[in-house]
Amino acid sequence: MILVIARAQARPDQRSALVPLLVEAARRARTEQGCTSYAFSADLEDPNSFLSVETWEERADLDRHMATPELAELLGALGPLVTGEPTITVHEVSSSGAYGA
C-alpha cells in the first residue's frame, strides 16, 4: 500500500476559491485505478491549512495519478491560491491494522 500525505496553506483571501478545486480533485482521484481513499481536511486551529491523505494499492497507481492532465491542471491552479509550495510525502506501507489489534 502507498500512503501519501500532502500539505498546503491557502492564502486567507483565496480559501473559498481553493476548496472547490480540492473537492473536485478528491472526487476525480477516487475514481482512478488503485485509489483506495483520498480525502482533504482543514486544520481545526488554522482553517487555511489543508492536509490530504491518500492511499493507493501500488506505486504504479500513484505514478499514473501523478501523470494525469487533471492533476497537472490542479497543481497549476494552486499557485495563486496557496502560500509556498505544497509538500507531498510518500510512504510505502508493508502492513497496517487497527490500533491494539
PDB file of N, CA and C in Angstrom:
ATOM      1  N   MET A   1       0.848  -1.175   0.000  1.00  0.00           N
ATOM      2  CA  MET A   1       0.000   0.000   0.000  1.00  0.00           C
ATOM      3  C   MET A   1       0.894   1.239   0.000  1.00  0.00           C
ATOM      4  N   ILE A   2       0.454   2.233  -0.713  1.00  0.00           N
ATOM      5  CA  ILE A   2       1.145   3.520  -0.770  1.00  0.00           C
ATOM      6  C   ILE A   2       0.284   4.549  -0.045  1.00  0.00           C
ATOM      7  N   LEU A   3       0.889   5.251   0.899  1.00  0.00           N
ATOM      8  CA  LEU A   3       0.222   6.306   1.656  1.00  0.00           C
ATOM      9  C   LEU A   3       0.863   7.627   1.271  1.00  0.00           C
ATOM     10  N   VAL A   4       0.036   8.587   0.892  1.00  0.00           N
ATOM     11  CA  VAL A   4       0.524   9.908   0.504  1.00  0.00           C
ATOM     12  C   VAL A   4      -0.092  10.942   1.438  1.00  0.00           C
ATOM     13  N   ILE A   5       0.755  11.785   1.997  1.00  0.00           N
ATOM     14  CA  ILE A   5       0.291  12.884   2.842  1.00  0.00           C
ATOM     15  C   ILE A   5       0.805  14.178   2.219  1.00  0.00           C
ATOM     16  N   ALA A   6      -0.113  15.071   1.921  1.00  0.00           N
ATOM     17  CA  ALA A   6       0.255  16.354   1.315  1.00  0.00           C
ATOM     18  C   ALA A   6      -0.307  17.493   2.162  1.00  0.00           C
ATOM     19  N   ARG A   7       0.432  18.586   2.181  1.00  0.00           N
ATOM     20  CA  ARG A   7       0.004  19.763   2.942  1.00  0.00           C
ATOM     21  C   ARG A   7       0.093  20.998   2.051  1.00  0.00           C
ATOM     22  N   ALA A   8      -0.882  21.887   2.237  1.00  0.00           N
ATOM     23  CA  ALA A   8      -0.879  23.161   1.517  1.00  0.00           C
ATOM     24  C   ALA A   8      -1.499  24.221   2.418  1.00  0.00           C
ATOM     25  N   GLN A   9      -1.028  25.434   2.277  1.00  0.00           N
ATOM     26  CA  GLN A   9      -1.530  26.565   3.056  1.00  0.00           C
ATOM     27  C   GLN A   9      -2.218  27.538   2.109  1.00  0.00           C
ATOM     28  N   ALA A  10      -3.522  27.709   2.280  1.00  0.00           N
ATOM     29  CA  ALA A  10      -4.274  28.637   1.434  1.00  0.00           C
ATOM     30  C   ALA A  10      -3.972  30.077   1.828  1.00  0.00           C
ATOM     31  N   ARG A  11      -3.926  30.945   0.832  1.00  0.00           N
ATOM     32  CA  ARG A  11      -3.898  32.375   1.131  1.00  0.00           C
ATOM     33  C   ARG A  11      -5.267  32.688   1.750  1.00  0.00           C
ATOM     34  N   PRO A  12      -5.298  33.443   2.843  1.00  0.00           N
ATOM     35  CA  PRO A  12      -6.575  33.684   3.525  1.00  0.00           C
ATOM     36  C   PRO A  12      -7.681  34.202   2.611  1.00  0.00           C
ATOM     37  N   ASP A  13      -7.339  35.047   1.653  1.00  0.00           N
ATOM     38  CA  ASP A  13      -8.360  35.601   0.767  1.00  0.00           C
ATOM     39  C   ASP A  13      -8.699  34.672  -0.403  1.00  0.00           C
ATOM     40  N   GLN A  14      -8.058  33.502  -0.469  1.00  0.00           N
ATOM     41  CA  GLN A  14      -8.286  32.576  -1.580  1.00  0.00           C
ATOM     42  C   GLN A  14      -8.879  31.235  -1.142  1.00  0.00           C
ATOM     43  N   ARG A  15      -9.151  31.085   0.156  1.00  0.00           N
ATOM     44  CA  ARG A  15      -9.669  29.809   0.653  1.00  0.00           C
ATOM     45  C   ARG A  15     -10.937  29.393  -0.082  1.00  0.00           C
ATOM     46  N   SER A  16     -11.855  30.317  -0.275  1.00  0.00           N
ATOM     47  CA  SER A  16     -13.135  29.972  -0.919  1.00  0.00           C
ATOM     48  C   SER A  16     -12.946  29.548  -2.372  1.00  0.00           C
ATOM     49  N   ALA A  17     -11.886  29.985  -3.019  1.00  0.00           N
ATOM     50  CA  ALA A  17     -11.592  29.541  -4.387  1.00  0.00           C
ATOM     51  C   ALA A  17     -10.892  28.185  -4.384  1.00  0.00           C
ATOM     52  N   LEU A  18     -10.113  27.912  -3.342  1.00  0.00           N
ATOM     53  CA  LEU A  18      -9.350  26.670  -3.265  1.00  0.00           C
ATOM     54  C   LEU A  18     -10.221  25.458  -2.942  1.00  0.00           C
ATOM     55  N   VAL A  19     -11.150  25.615  -2.021  1.00  0.00           N
ATOM     56  CA  VAL A  19     -11.940  24.467  -1.547  1.00  0.00           C
ATOM     57  C   VAL A  19     -12.635  23.709  -2.679  1.00  0.00           C
ATOM     58  N   PRO A  20     -13.340  24.357  -3.603  1.00  0.00           N
ATOM     59  CA  PRO A  20     -13.985  23.582  -4.674  1.00  0.00           C
ATOM     60  C   PRO A  20     -12.989  22.819  -5.550  1.00  0.00           C
ATOM     61  N   LEU A  21     -11.805  23.371  -5.754  1.00  0.00           N
ATOM     62  CA  LEU A  21     -10.783  22.664  -6.535  1.00  0.00           C
ATOM     63  C   LEU A  21     -10.345  21.392  -5.824  1.00  0.00           C
ATOM     64  N   LEU A  22     -10.175  21.476  -4.506  1.00  0.00           N
ATOM     65  CA  LEU A  22      -9.760  20.299  -3.741  1.00  0.00           C
ATOM     66  C   LEU A  22     -10.857  19.243  -3.708  1.00  0.00           C
ATOM     67  N   VAL A  23     -12.101  19.681  -3.553  1.00  0.00           N
ATOM     68  CA  VAL A  23     -13.230  18.739  -3.550  1.00  0.00           C
ATOM     69  C   VAL A  23     -13.283  17.980  -4.868  1.00  0.00           C
ATOM     70  N   GLU A  24     -13.174  18.693  -5.971  1.00  0.00           N
ATOM     71  CA  GLU A  24     -13.226  18.052  -7.288  1.00  0.00           C
ATOM     72  C   GLU A  24     -12.020  17.141  -7.506  1.00  0.00           C
ATOM     73  N   ALA A  25     -10.849  17.556  -7.059  1.00  0.00           N
ATOM     74  CA  ALA A  25      -9.649  16.723  -7.210  1.00  0.00           C
ATOM     75  C   ALA A  25      -9.814  15.405  -6.468  1.00  0.00           C
ATOM     76  N   ALA A  26     -10.357  15.454  -5.264  1.00  0.00           N
ATOM     77  CA  ALA A  26     -10.568  14.223  -4.492  1.00  0.00           C
ATOM     78  C   ALA A  26     -11.599  13.332  -5.173  1.00  0.00           C
ATOM     79  N   ARG A  27     -12.682  13.920  -5.650  1.00  0.00           N
ATOM     80  CA  ARG A  27     -13.713  13.120  -6.345  1.00  0.00           C
ATOM     81  C   ARG A  27     -13.127  12.402  -7.555  1.00  0.00           C
ATOM     82  N   ARG A  28     -12.348  13.112  -8.348  1.00  0.00           N
ATOM     83  CA  ARG A  28     -11.743  12.504  -9.540  1.00  0.00           C
ATOM     84  C   ARG A  28     -10.770  11.400  -9.168  1.00  0.00           C
ATOM     85  N   ALA A  29      -9.917  11.676  -8.194  1.00  0.00           N
ATOM     86  CA  ALA A  29      -8.893  10.697  -7.812  1.00  0.00           C
ATOM     87  C   ALA A  29      -9.524   9.406  -7.312  1.00  0.00           C
ATOM     88  N   ARG A  30     -10.632   9.515  -6.592  1.00  0.00           N
ATOM     89  CA  ARG A  30     -11.286   8.307  -6.059  1.00  0.00           C
ATOM     90  C   ARG A  30     -11.787   7.376  -7.149  1.00  0.00           C
ATOM     91  N   THR A  31     -11.921   7.872  -8.370  1.00  0.00           N
ATOM     92  CA  THR A  31     -12.381   7.021  -9.477  1.00  0.00           C
ATOM     93  C   THR A  31     -11.220   6.366 -10.218  1.00  0.00           C
ATOM     94  N   GLU A  32     -10.003   6.744  -9.879  1.00  0.00           N
ATOM     95  CA  GLU A  32      -8.837   6.223 -10.592  1.00  0.00           C
ATOM     96  C   GLU A  32      -8.469   4.823 -10.109  1.00  0.00           C
ATOM     97  N   GLN A  33      -7.906   4.052 -11.030  1.00  0.00           N
ATOM     98  CA  GLN A  33      -7.469   2.695 -10.724  1.00  0.00           C
ATOM     99  C   GLN A  33      -6.474   2.706  -9.567  1.00  0.00           C
ATOM    100  N   GLY A  34      -6.737   1.873  -8.571  1.00  0.00           N
ATOM    101  CA  GLY A  34      -5.815   1.707  -7.458  1.00  0.00           C
ATOM    102  C   GLY A  34      -5.988   2.672  -6.310  1.00  0.00           C
ATOM    103  N   CYS A  35      -6.846   3.680  -6.451  1.00  0.00           N
ATOM    104  CA  CYS A  35      -7.072   4.621  -5.351  1.00  0.00           C
ATOM    105  C   CYS A  35      -8.047   3.985  -4.365  1.00  0.00           C
ATOM    106  N   THR A  36      -7.612   3.785  -3.127  1.00  0.00           N
ATOM    107  CA  THR A  36      -8.492   3.192  -2.119  1.00  0.00           C
ATOM    108  C   THR A  36      -9.066   4.238  -1.169  1.00  0.00           C
ATOM    109  N   SER A  37      -8.445   5.410  -1.101  1.00  0.00           N
ATOM    110  CA  SER A  37      -9.026   6.529  -0.352  1.00  0.00           C
ATOM    111  C   SER A  37      -8.295   7.812  -0.737  1.00  0.00           C
ATOM    112  N   TYR A  38      -9.016   8.923  -0.623  1.00  0.00           N
ATOM    113  CA  TYR A  38      -8.440  10.223  -0.972  1.00  0.00           C
ATOM    114  C   TYR A  38      -9.317  11.265  -0.292  1.00  0.00           C
ATOM    115  N   ALA A  39      -8.760  11.991   0.669  1.00  0.00           N
ATOM    116  CA  ALA A  39      -9.566  12.966   1.397  1.00  0.00           C
ATOM    117  C   ALA A  39      -8.727  14.176   1.792  1.00  0.00           C
ATOM    118  N   PHE A  40      -9.363  15.335   1.776  1.00  0.00           N
ATOM    119  CA  PHE A  40      -8.758  16.568   2.260  1.00  0.00           C
ATOM    120  C   PHE A  40      -9.392  16.933   3.591  1.00  0.00           C
ATOM    121  N   SER A  41      -8.603  17.535   4.466  1.00  0.00           N
ATOM    122  CA  SER A  41      -9.089  18.039   5.748  1.00  0.00           C
ATOM    123  C   SER A  41      -8.493  19.418   5.972  1.00  0.00           C
ATOM    124  N   ALA A  42      -9.224  20.241   6.723  1.00  0.00           N
ATOM    125  CA  ALA A  42      -8.705  21.546   7.130  1.00  0.00           C
ATOM    126  C   ALA A  42      -8.378  21.479   8.617  1.00  0.00           C
ATOM    127  N   ASP A  43      -7.300  22.124   9.011  1.00  0.00           N
ATOM    128  CA  ASP A  43      -6.871  22.156  10.403  1.00  0.00           C
ATOM    129  C   ASP A  43      -7.924  22.891  11.238  1.00  0.00           C
ATOM    130  N   LEU A  44      -8.264  22.353  12.400  1.00  0.00           N
ATOM    131  CA  LEU A  44      -9.271  22.982  13.256  1.00  0.00           C
ATOM    132  C   LEU A  44      -8.800  24.318  13.826  1.00  0.00           C
ATOM    133  N   GLU A  45      -7.499  24.479  14.005  1.00  0.00           N
ATOM    134  CA  GLU A  45      -6.970  25.724  14.550  1.00  0.00           C
ATOM    135  C   GLU A  45      -6.572  26.722  13.470  1.00  0.00           C
ATOM    136  N   ASP A  46      -6.358  26.232  12.262  1.00  0.00           N
ATOM    137  CA  ASP A  46      -5.976  27.093  11.140  1.00  0.00           C
ATOM    138  C   ASP A  46      -6.728  26.616   9.902  1.00  0.00           C
ATOM    139  N   PRO A  47      -7.925  27.135   9.658  1.00  0.00           N
ATOM    140  CA  PRO A  47      -8.744  26.638   8.551  1.00  0.00           C
ATOM    141  C   PRO A  47      -8.141  26.860   7.167  1.00  0.00           C
ATOM    142  N   ASN A  48      -7.047  27.603   7.078  1.00  0.00           N
ATOM    143  CA  ASN A  48      -6.375  27.786   5.791  1.00  0.00           C
ATOM    144  C   ASN A  48      -5.296  26.730   5.545  1.00  0.00           C
ATOM    145  N   SER A  49      -5.086  25.865   6.526  1.00  0.00           N
ATOM    146  CA  SER A  49      -4.097  24.799   6.411  1.00  0.00           C
ATOM    147  C   SER A  49      -4.812  23.504   6.024  1.00  0.00           C
ATOM    148  N   PHE A  50      -4.446  22.948   4.865  1.00  0.00           N
ATOM    149  CA  PHE A  50      -5.101  21.748   4.341  1.00  0.00           C
ATOM    150  C   PHE A  50      -4.145  20.567   4.333  1.00  0.00           C
ATOM    151  N   LEU A  51      -4.713  19.404   4.584  1.00  0.00           N
ATOM    152  CA  LEU A  51      -3.973  18.150   4.586  1.00  0.00           C
ATOM    153  C   LEU A  51      -4.735  17.169   3.715  1.00  0.00           C
ATOM    154  N   SER A  52      -4.034  16.463   2.863  1.00  0.00           N
ATOM    155  CA  SER A  52      -4.690  15.377   2.135  1.00  0.00           C
ATOM    156  C   SER A  52      -4.023  14.074   2.525  1.00  0.00           C
ATOM    157  N   VAL A  53      -4.846  13.046   2.639  1.00  0.00           N
ATOM    158  CA  VAL A  53      -4.375  11.694   2.921  1.00  0.00           C
ATOM    159  C   VAL A  53      -4.937  10.814   1.824  1.00  0.00           C
ATOM    160  N   GLU A  54      -4.037  10.137   1.123  1.00  0.00           N
ATOM    161  CA  GLU A  54      -4.427   9.269   0.010  1.00  0.00           C
ATOM    162  C   GLU A  54      -3.824   7.895   0.238  1.00  0.00           C
ATOM    163  N   THR A  55      -4.539   6.863  -0.189  1.00  0.00           N
ATOM    164  CA  THR A  55      -3.943   5.533  -0.214  1.00  0.00           C
ATOM    165  C   THR A  55      -4.162   4.935  -1.592  1.00  0.00           C
ATOM    166  N   TRP A  56      -3.124   4.249  -2.048  1.00  0.00           N
ATOM    167  CA  TRP A  56      -3.099   3.628  -3.369  1.00  0.00           C
ATOM    168  C   TRP A  56      -2.652   2.187  -3.215  1.00  0.00           C
ATOM    169  N   GLU A  57      -3.185   1.309  -4.046  1.00  0.00           N
ATOM    170  CA  GLU A  57      -2.819  -0.098  -3.962  1.00  0.00           C
ATOM    171  C   GLU A  57      -1.344  -0.313  -4.256  1.00  0.00           C
ATOM    172  N   GLU A  58      -0.834   0.346  -5.296  1.00  0.00           N
ATOM    173  CA  GLU A  58       0.553   0.146  -5.718  1.00  0.00           C
ATOM    174  C   GLU A  58       1.167   1.469  -6.157  1.00  0.00           C
ATOM    175  N   ARG A  59       2.477   1.513  -6.162  1.00  0.00           N
ATOM    176  CA  ARG A  59       3.192   2.720  -6.593  1.00  0.00           C
ATOM    177  C   ARG A  59       2.843   3.083  -8.042  1.00  0.00           C
ATOM    178  N   ALA A  60       2.639   2.071  -8.885  1.00  0.00           N
ATOM    179  CA  ALA A  60       2.286   2.336 -10.287  1.00  0.00           C
ATOM    180  C   ALA A  60       0.968   3.098 -10.384  1.00  0.00           C
ATOM    181  N   ASP A  61       0.035   2.819  -9.468  1.00  0.00           N
ATOM    182  CA  ASP A  61      -1.245   3.539  -9.462  1.00  0.00           C
ATOM    183  C   ASP A  61      -1.022   5.012  -9.129  1.00  0.00           C
ATOM    184  N   LEU A  62      -0.199   5.266  -8.126  1.00  0.00           N
ATOM    185  CA  LEU A  62       0.123   6.651  -7.768  1.00  0.00           C
ATOM    186  C   LEU A  62       0.851   7.343  -8.916  1.00  0.00           C
ATOM    187  N   ASP A  63       1.795   6.651  -9.522  1.00  0.00           N
ATOM    188  CA  ASP A  63       2.541   7.248 -10.633  1.00  0.00           C
ATOM    189  C   ASP A  63       1.614   7.625 -11.787  1.00  0.00           C
ATOM    190  N   ARG A  64       0.634   6.766 -12.074  1.00  0.00           N
ATOM    191  CA  ARG A  64      -0.351   7.067 -13.122  1.00  0.00           C
ATOM    192  C   ARG A  64      -1.145   8.317 -12.749  1.00  0.00           C
ATOM    193  N   HIS A  65      -1.566   8.379 -11.481  1.00  0.00           N
ATOM    194  CA  HIS A  65      -2.318   9.541 -10.985  1.00  0.00           C
ATOM    195  C   HIS A  65      -1.487  10.820 -11.128  1.00  0.00           C
ATOM    196  N   MET A  66      -0.221  10.744 -10.746  1.00  0.00           N
ATOM    197  CA  MET A  66       0.641  11.925 -10.793  1.00  0.00           C
ATOM    198  C   MET A  66       0.877  12.402 -12.223  1.00  0.00           C
ATOM    199  N   ALA A  67       0.668  11.530 -13.198  1.00  0.00           N
ATOM    200  CA  ALA A  67       0.895  11.879 -14.607  1.00  0.00           C
ATOM    201  C   ALA A  67      -0.369  12.336 -15.330  1.00  0.00           C
ATOM    202  N   THR A  68      -1.509  12.399 -14.619  1.00  0.00           N
ATOM    203  CA  THR A  68      -2.751  12.783 -15.292  1.00  0.00           C
ATOM    204  C   THR A  68      -2.766  14.275 -15.604  1.00  0.00           C
ATOM    205  N   PRO A  69      -3.395  14.637 -16.719  1.00  0.00           N
ATOM    206  CA  PRO A  69      -3.525  16.066 -17.046  1.00  0.00           C
ATOM    207  C   PRO A  69      -4.351  16.810 -16.000  1.00  0.00           C
ATOM    208  N   GLU A  70      -5.303  16.115 -15.387  1.00  0.00           N
ATOM    209  CA  GLU A  70      -6.146  16.755 -14.373  1.00  0.00           C
ATOM    210  C   GLU A  70      -5.313  17.189 -13.168  1.00  0.00           C
ATOM    211  N   LEU A  71      -4.374  16.349 -12.757  1.00  0.00           N
ATOM    212  CA  LEU A  71      -3.535  16.723 -11.623  1.00  0.00           C
ATOM    213  C   LEU A  71      -2.598  17.868 -12.008  1.00  0.00           C
ATOM    214  N   ALA A  72      -2.059  17.822 -13.203  1.00  0.00           N
ATOM    215  CA  ALA A  72      -1.203  18.921 -13.667  1.00  0.00           C
ATOM    216  C   ALA A  72      -1.986  20.231 -13.676  1.00  0.00           C
ATOM    217  N   GLU A  73      -3.238  20.160 -14.107  1.00  0.00           N
ATOM    218  CA  GLU A  73      -4.101  21.349 -14.123  1.00  0.00           C
ATOM    219  C   GLU A  73      -4.325  21.865 -12.706  1.00  0.00           C
ATOM    220  N   LEU A  74      -4.616  20.948 -11.770  1.00  0.00           N
ATOM    221  CA  LEU A  74      -4.828  21.347 -10.380  1.00  0.00           C
ATOM    222  C   LEU A  74      -3.572  22.002  -9.815  1.00  0.00           C
ATOM    223  N   LEU A  75      -2.436  21.369  -9.996  1.00  0.00           N
ATOM    224  CA  LEU A  75      -1.197  21.922  -9.453  1.00  0.00           C
ATOM    225  C   LEU A  75      -0.900  23.293 -10.048  1.00  0.00           C
ATOM    226  N   GLY A  76      -1.217  23.488 -11.318  1.00  0.00           N
ATOM    227  CA  GLY A  76      -1.039  24.793 -11.938  1.00  0.00           C
ATOM    228  C   GLY A  76      -1.968  25.844 -11.358  1.00  0.00           C
ATOM    229  N   ALA A  77      -3.189  25.433 -11.041  1.00  0.00           N
ATOM    230  CA  ALA A  77      -4.176  26.364 -10.492  1.00  0.00           C
ATOM    231  C   ALA A  77      -3.876  26.740  -9.046  1.00  0.00           C
ATOM    232  N   LEU A  78      -3.128  25.911  -8.332  1.00  0.00           N
ATOM    233  CA  LEU A  78      -2.850  26.176  -6.918  1.00  0.00           C
ATOM    234  C   LEU A  78      -1.983  27.409  -6.702  1.00  0.00           C
ATOM    235  N   GLY A  79      -1.067  27.683  -7.629  1.00  0.00           N
ATOM    236  CA  GLY A  79      -0.091  28.756  -7.458  1.00  0.00           C
ATOM    237  C   GLY A  79      -0.600  30.019  -6.796  1.00  0.00           C
ATOM    238  N   PRO A  80      -1.590  30.692  -7.372  1.00  0.00           N
ATOM    239  CA  PRO A  80      -2.054  31.947  -6.780  1.00  0.00           C
ATOM    240  C   PRO A  80      -2.958  31.761  -5.557  1.00  0.00           C
ATOM    241  N   LEU A  81      -3.326  30.520  -5.257  1.00  0.00           N
ATOM    242  CA  LEU A  81      -4.263  30.264  -4.162  1.00  0.00           C
ATOM    243  C   LEU A  81      -3.585  29.859  -2.864  1.00  0.00           C
ATOM    244  N   VAL A  82      -2.318  29.463  -2.943  1.00  0.00           N
ATOM    245  CA  VAL A  82      -1.617  28.969  -1.756  1.00  0.00           C
ATOM    246  C   VAL A  82      -0.347  29.776  -1.510  1.00  0.00           C
ATOM    247  N   THR A  83       0.143  29.674  -0.280  1.00  0.00           N
ATOM    248  CA  THR A  83       1.421  30.294   0.057  1.00  0.00           C
ATOM    249  C   THR A  83       2.488  29.209  -0.010  1.00  0.00           C
ATOM    250  N   GLY A  84       3.538  29.458  -0.719  1.00  0.00           N
ATOM    251  CA  GLY A  84       4.608  28.469  -0.820  1.00  0.00           C
ATOM    252  C   GLY A  84       4.199  27.260  -1.644  1.00  0.00           C
ATOM    253  N   GLU A  85       5.071  26.279  -1.662  1.00  0.00           N
ATOM    254  CA  GLU A  85       4.830  25.041  -2.400  1.00  0.00           C
ATOM    255  C   GLU A  85       4.152  24.025  -1.494  1.00  0.00           C
ATOM    256  N   PRO A  86       3.146  23.310  -2.000  1.00  0.00           N
ATOM    257  CA  PRO A  86       2.601  22.197  -1.218  1.00  0.00           C
ATOM    258  C   PRO A  86       3.700  21.159  -0.983  1.00  0.00           C
ATOM    259  N   THR A  87       3.632  20.482   0.154  1.00  0.00           N
ATOM    260  CA  THR A  87       4.577  19.398   0.427  1.00  0.00           C
ATOM    261  C   THR A  87       3.858  18.068   0.236  1.00  0.00           C
ATOM    262  N   ILE A  88       4.546  17.122  -0.367  1.00  0.00           N
ATOM    263  CA  ILE A  88       3.974  15.800  -0.619  1.00  0.00           C
ATOM    264  C   ILE A  88       4.972  14.767  -0.112  1.00  0.00           C
ATOM    265  N   THR A  89       4.502  13.885   0.778  1.00  0.00           N
ATOM    266  CA  THR A  89       5.335  12.819   1.323  1.00  0.00           C
ATOM    267  C   THR A  89       4.702  11.485   0.974  1.00  0.00           C
ATOM    268  N   VAL A  90       5.508  10.570   0.438  1.00  0.00           N
ATOM    269  CA  VAL A  90       5.026   9.253   0.028  1.00  0.00           C
ATOM    270  C   VAL A  90       5.624   8.204   0.958  1.00  0.00           C
ATOM    271  N   HIS A  91       4.756   7.331   1.476  1.00  0.00           N
ATOM    272  CA  HIS A  91       5.174   6.249   2.369  1.00  0.00           C
ATOM    273  C   HIS A  91       4.789   4.915   1.737  1.00  0.00           C
ATOM    274  N   GLU A  92       5.700   3.973   1.732  1.00  0.00           N
ATOM    275  CA  GLU A  92       5.387   2.614   1.301  1.00  0.00           C
ATOM    276  C   GLU A  92       5.125   1.805   2.563  1.00  0.00           C
ATOM    277  N   VAL A  93       3.879   1.342   2.719  1.00  0.00           N
ATOM    278  CA  VAL A  93       3.443   0.667   3.936  1.00  0.00           C
ATOM    279  C   VAL A  93       3.414  -0.836   3.686  1.00  0.00           C
ATOM    280  N   SER A  94       4.140  -1.582   4.512  1.00  0.00           N
ATOM    281  CA  SER A  94       4.177  -3.032   4.324  1.00  0.00           C
ATOM    282  C   SER A  94       3.065  -3.739   5.086  1.00  0.00           C
ATOM    283  N   SER A  95       2.566  -3.128   6.160  1.00  0.00           N
ATOM    284  CA  SER A  95       1.430  -3.709   6.878  1.00  0.00           C
ATOM    285  C   SER A  95       0.747  -2.612   7.678  1.00  0.00           C
ATOM    286  N   SER A  96      -0.525  -2.819   7.952  1.00  0.00           N
ATOM    287  CA  SER A  96      -1.273  -1.884   8.785  1.00  0.00           C
ATOM    288  C   SER A  96      -2.445  -2.629   9.402  1.00  0.00           C
ATOM    289  N   GLY A  97      -2.976  -2.088  10.459  1.00  0.00           N
ATOM    290  CA  GLY A  97      -4.121  -2.695  11.126  1.00  0.00           C
ATOM    291  C   GLY A  97      -4.632  -1.758  12.190  1.00  0.00           C
ATOM    292  N   ALA A  98      -5.735  -2.128  12.780  1.00  0.00           N
ATOM    293  CA  ALA A  98      -6.332  -1.315  13.830  1.00  0.00           C
ATOM    294  C   ALA A  98      -5.395  -1.266  15.037  1.00  0.00           C
ATOM    295  N   TYR A  99      -5.350  -0.137  15.693  1.00  0.00           N
ATOM    296  CA  TYR A  99      -4.521   0.008  16.880  1.00  0.00           C
ATOM    297  C   TYR A  99      -4.992  -0.978  17.941  1.00  0.00           C
ATOM    298  N   GLY A 100      -4.066  -1.656  18.551  1.00  0.00           N
ATOM    299  CA  GLY A 100      -4.399  -2.607  19.606  1.00  0.00           C
ATOM    300  C   GLY A 100      -4.793  -3.979  19.096  1.00  0.00           C
ATOM    301  N   ALA A 101      -4.848  -4.138  17.772  1.00  0.00           N
ATOM    302  CA  ALA A 101      -5.264  -5.438  17.224  1.00  0.00           C
ATOM    303  C   ALA A 101      -4.083  -6.370  17.109  1.00  0.00           C
TER     304      ALA A 101
END
